[in-house]
């Protein structure tokens, strides 16, 4: 299943800031490096890229829960490990539950939702080339094909990140945001667009893949 929002309809192109070598691999061969959520914890990444809180939810709030409603833990088992961290408050009922806020690792491909030359500086000196990607719908379809075939992804989600507090709200069966789409407010100017691949594989690592029919999807947009 591929879930996309209005973001895909309004964004014709997105932008990947990368090293010149990888930009040429994208344009000439259709090769891209797909990361994982946990990969962004690594200290080797520059400050504008590294995020030790990726996939970690600080608070999980459940609204309008009544005995007999579908139990929130059914949703939790999909998105949450059960280590420690996050507090879930059950409102309008007699119980309170504490959940840990690290979601399962998944594949993630991150790009900028708009072009801004300041990103060359923000992302680090090695990010000296910008590749324009699009049309978006064709790119998402091509990446989803590889997600399913090579990475055994059961579900794909594409859209712009939401910025603010890392918290999830469950309201009578509806979740306000996928936890992997949440980012701290300090990253908001990046207007990051993400394509997520949820997989049942364990121990996943970043992977270089080849996008089919890439010729019309990638072009060098700017360099420094």
Protein backbone atom coordinates (compact mmCIF):
# COMPACT_ATOMS: atom_id res chain seq x y z
CA UNK A 1 0.00 0.00 0.00
CA UNK A 2 1.26 3.48 -0.87
CA UNK A 3 -0.08 6.32 1.26
CA UNK A 4 0.44 9.85 -0.01
CA UNK A 5 -1.11 13.16 0.95
CA UNK A 6 -1.80 16.49 -0.68
CA UNK A 7 1.96 17.17 -0.51
CA UNK A 8 2.51 14.90 -3.50
CA UNK A 9 -0.14 16.75 -5.47
CA UNK A 10 1.35 20.19 -4.75
CA UNK A 11 5.06 19.35 -5.11
CA UNK A 12 6.17 18.77 -8.68
CA UNK A 13 9.84 18.42 -7.74
CA UNK A 14 11.99 17.88 -4.65
CA UNK A 15 15.73 18.42 -4.16
CA UNK A 16 18.53 16.16 -2.95
CA UNK A 17 21.67 17.81 -1.59
CA UNK A 18 24.57 15.41 -1.85
CA UNK A 19 28.21 15.01 -2.83
CA UNK A 20 29.12 15.47 -6.51
CA UNK A 21 30.07 11.79 -6.83
CA UNK A 22 26.65 10.61 -5.67
CA UNK A 23 24.90 13.22 -7.78
CA UNK A 24 26.54 11.74 -10.88
CA UNK A 25 25.52 8.22 -9.77
CA UNK A 26 21.93 9.43 -9.52
CA UNK A 27 21.82 11.19 -12.87
CA UNK A 28 23.90 8.71 -14.88
CA UNK A 29 22.86 5.37 -13.34
CA UNK A 30 19.75 6.00 -11.23
CA UNK A 31 21.54 4.92 -8.06
CA UNK A 32 20.45 6.38 -4.74
CA UNK A 33 21.34 5.61 -1.14
CA UNK A 34 18.30 4.84 0.99
CA UNK A 35 18.95 5.32 4.69
CA UNK A 36 17.20 3.97 7.77
CA UNK A 37 15.58 5.81 10.63
CA UNK A 38 18.20 4.68 13.15
CA UNK A 39 21.02 5.57 10.78
CA UNK A 40 20.44 9.26 11.58
CA UNK A 41 21.59 8.66 15.17
CA UNK A 42 25.19 8.22 13.99
CA UNK A 43 27.57 10.95 15.27
CA UNK A 44 29.50 11.00 11.99
CA UNK A 45 26.75 13.01 10.26
CA UNK A 46 26.95 16.84 10.20
CA UNK A 47 24.64 18.72 12.56
CA UNK A 48 22.05 19.60 9.92
CA UNK A 49 21.64 15.89 9.06
CA UNK A 50 22.21 14.06 12.36
CA UNK A 51 19.23 13.66 14.69
CA UNK A 52 19.61 11.44 17.77
CA UNK A 53 15.85 11.68 18.40
CA UNK A 54 14.73 10.15 15.11
CA UNK A 55 11.93 7.69 15.76
CA UNK A 56 11.71 8.54 19.47
CA UNK A 57 8.37 9.80 20.71
CA UNK A 58 8.31 11.78 23.94
CA UNK A 59 4.57 11.61 24.63
CA UNK A 60 1.72 9.47 23.36
CA UNK A 61 -1.75 10.77 24.27
CA UNK A 62 -4.99 8.84 23.82
CA UNK A 63 -8.21 10.91 23.60
CA UNK A 64 -11.81 9.78 24.00
CA UNK A 65 -11.01 6.20 24.90
CA UNK A 66 -13.82 4.16 26.42
CA UNK A 67 -13.90 0.56 27.57
CA UNK A 68 -15.02 -1.46 24.59
CA UNK A 69 -13.28 0.79 22.05
CA UNK A 70 -10.58 -0.81 19.86
CA UNK A 71 -7.64 -0.96 22.24
CA UNK A 72 -4.82 1.54 21.54
CA UNK A 73 -2.16 -1.18 22.08
CA UNK A 74 -3.28 -2.75 18.78
CA UNK A 75 -1.93 0.39 17.13
CA UNK A 76 1.14 0.40 19.37
CA UNK A 77 2.29 -3.03 18.28
CA UNK A 78 2.66 -1.73 14.76
CA UNK A 79 4.66 1.41 15.53
CA UNK A 80 6.24 0.84 18.93
CA UNK A 81 8.81 -1.39 20.50
CA UNK A 82 8.09 -1.58 24.20
CA UNK A 83 11.33 -0.30 25.78
CA UNK A 84 11.05 2.95 27.81
CA UNK A 85 10.43 6.64 27.40
CA UNK A 86 7.04 7.85 26.36
CA UNK A 87 3.96 8.43 28.50
CA UNK A 88 0.50 7.59 27.19
CA UNK A 89 -2.40 9.22 29.03
CA UNK A 90 -5.82 7.61 28.63
CA UNK A 91 -8.42 10.38 28.93
CA UNK A 92 -12.03 9.81 30.00
CA UNK A 93 -11.27 6.42 31.46
CA UNK A 94 -9.81 5.07 34.68
CA UNK A 95 -6.40 3.91 33.52
CA UNK A 96 -3.01 5.37 32.66
CA UNK A 97 -0.36 3.58 30.63
CA UNK A 98 3.35 4.20 30.11
CA UNK A 99 4.86 3.31 26.75
CA UNK A 100 8.36 3.59 25.43
CA UNK A 101 8.82 5.80 22.44
CA UNK A 102 11.18 4.10 19.99
CA UNK A 103 9.44 2.95 16.83
CA UNK A 104 10.73 0.04 14.73
CA UNK A 105 13.49 0.85 12.28
CA UNK A 106 12.43 1.43 8.67
CA UNK A 107 13.83 2.62 5.37
CA UNK A 108 13.67 6.36 4.76
CA UNK A 109 14.62 8.53 1.80
CA UNK A 110 14.85 12.22 2.68
CA UNK A 111 14.86 15.21 0.34
CA UNK A 112 14.17 18.94 0.62
CA UNK A 113 10.68 20.06 -0.33
CA UNK A 114 12.07 23.24 -1.86
CA UNK A 115 15.43 24.58 -3.08
CA UNK A 116 17.46 26.87 -0.84
CA UNK A 117 21.17 27.51 -1.46
CA UNK A 118 21.77 27.88 2.28
CA UNK A 119 21.34 24.11 2.59
CA UNK A 120 24.79 23.65 1.03
CA UNK A 121 26.21 25.20 4.19
CA UNK A 122 23.68 23.73 6.63
CA UNK A 123 24.26 20.14 5.52
CA UNK A 124 28.06 20.31 5.47
CA UNK A 125 30.89 20.95 3.01
CA UNK A 126 30.62 17.51 1.40
CA UNK A 127 27.07 18.32 0.20
CA UNK A 128 28.17 20.38 -2.78
CA UNK A 129 25.62 19.39 -5.44
CA UNK A 130 21.86 19.59 -5.68
CA UNK A 131 19.88 17.11 -7.78
CA UNK A 132 16.32 17.91 -8.79
CA UNK A 133 14.00 14.89 -8.53
CA UNK A 134 10.67 14.58 -10.26
CA UNK A 135 7.98 14.49 -11.41
CA UNK A 136 7.19 13.39 -7.87
CA UNK A 137 4.47 10.85 -8.52
CA UNK A 138 6.61 8.94 -11.02
CA UNK A 139 9.56 8.95 -8.63
CA UNK A 140 7.48 7.66 -5.72
CA UNK A 141 6.05 4.89 -7.88
CA UNK A 142 9.54 3.86 -9.02
CA UNK A 143 10.99 3.93 -5.49
CA UNK A 144 8.00 2.02 -4.10
CA UNK A 145 8.55 -0.69 -6.71
CA UNK A 146 12.13 -1.19 -5.44
CA UNK A 147 11.00 -0.98 -1.79
CA UNK A 148 8.64 -3.87 -2.35
CA UNK A 149 10.83 -6.01 -4.59
CA UNK A 150 14.25 -5.66 -2.96
CA UNK A 151 13.55 -4.49 0.59
CA UNK A 152 10.35 -6.41 1.35
CA UNK A 153 8.46 -3.28 2.38
CA UNK A 154 4.79 -3.91 3.09
CA UNK A 155 3.78 -0.26 3.24
CA UNK A 156 5.07 3.04 1.86
CA UNK A 157 4.26 6.53 3.12
CA UNK A 158 5.25 9.76 1.38
CA UNK A 159 4.77 13.33 2.56
CA UNK A 160 6.21 16.42 4.21
CA UNK A 161 7.49 16.16 7.77
CA UNK A 162 5.63 17.83 10.62
CA UNK A 163 7.65 20.01 13.00
CA UNK A 164 7.19 20.56 16.72
CA UNK A 165 6.90 18.40 19.82
CA UNK A 166 7.59 14.71 19.31
CA UNK A 167 4.23 13.44 20.43
CA UNK A 168 1.50 11.27 18.98
CA UNK A 169 -2.25 11.64 19.52
CA UNK A 170 -4.65 8.72 19.20
CA UNK A 171 -8.27 9.85 18.88
CA UNK A 172 -10.82 7.03 18.60
CA UNK A 173 -8.82 4.98 16.15
CA UNK A 174 -7.25 7.89 14.23
CA UNK A 175 -3.56 8.75 14.62
CA UNK A 176 -2.59 12.36 13.93
CA UNK A 177 0.81 11.68 12.37
CA UNK A 178 3.14 8.81 11.54
CA UNK A 179 5.89 9.02 14.21
CA UNK A 180 8.67 8.85 11.60
CA UNK A 181 7.30 12.07 10.06
CA UNK A 182 7.92 14.10 13.23
CA UNK A 183 10.92 16.42 13.48
CA UNK A 184 12.11 18.96 16.03
CA UNK A 185 11.12 22.59 15.41
CA UNK A 186 14.77 23.51 14.81
CA UNK A 187 14.71 21.56 11.49
CA UNK A 188 11.59 23.29 10.15
CA UNK A 189 13.33 25.48 7.57
CA UNK A 190 14.40 22.33 5.69
CA UNK A 191 10.79 21.56 4.74
CA UNK A 192 11.80 17.93 4.50
CA UNK A 193 9.91 15.47 2.32
CA UNK A 194 10.19 11.80 3.27
CA UNK A 195 9.39 8.49 1.65
CA UNK A 196 9.17 5.72 4.25
CA UNK A 197 9.34 1.99 3.65
CA UNK A 198 8.00 -0.16 6.49
CA UNK A 199 9.54 -3.61 6.46
CA UNK A 200 9.32 -6.74 8.59
CA UNK A 201 13.03 -7.43 8.08
CA UNK A 202 15.29 -7.08 11.11
CA UNK A 203 18.74 -5.53 11.28
CA UNK A 204 18.22 -3.37 8.20
CA UNK A 205 21.05 -1.13 7.02
CA UNK A 206 21.29 1.74 4.50
CA UNK A 207 21.21 0.36 0.97
CA UNK A 208 22.22 1.60 -2.48
CA UNK A 209 19.48 0.84 -4.98
CA UNK A 210 18.86 1.53 -8.66
CA UNK A 211 15.71 3.39 -9.67
CA UNK A 212 14.15 1.99 -12.87
CA UNK A 213 13.51 4.37 -15.77
CA UNK A 214 15.56 7.05 -14.02
CA UNK A 215 16.54 9.10 -17.09
CA UNK A 216 13.70 11.62 -16.79
CA UNK A 217 13.70 11.73 -12.97
CA UNK A 218 17.09 13.16 -11.99
CA UNK A 219 18.96 16.26 -13.16
CA UNK A 220 21.77 18.39 -11.72
CA UNK A 221 20.14 21.58 -10.46
CA UNK A 222 22.93 23.56 -8.76
CA UNK A 223 26.48 23.23 -7.40
CA UNK A 224 28.89 25.15 -5.21
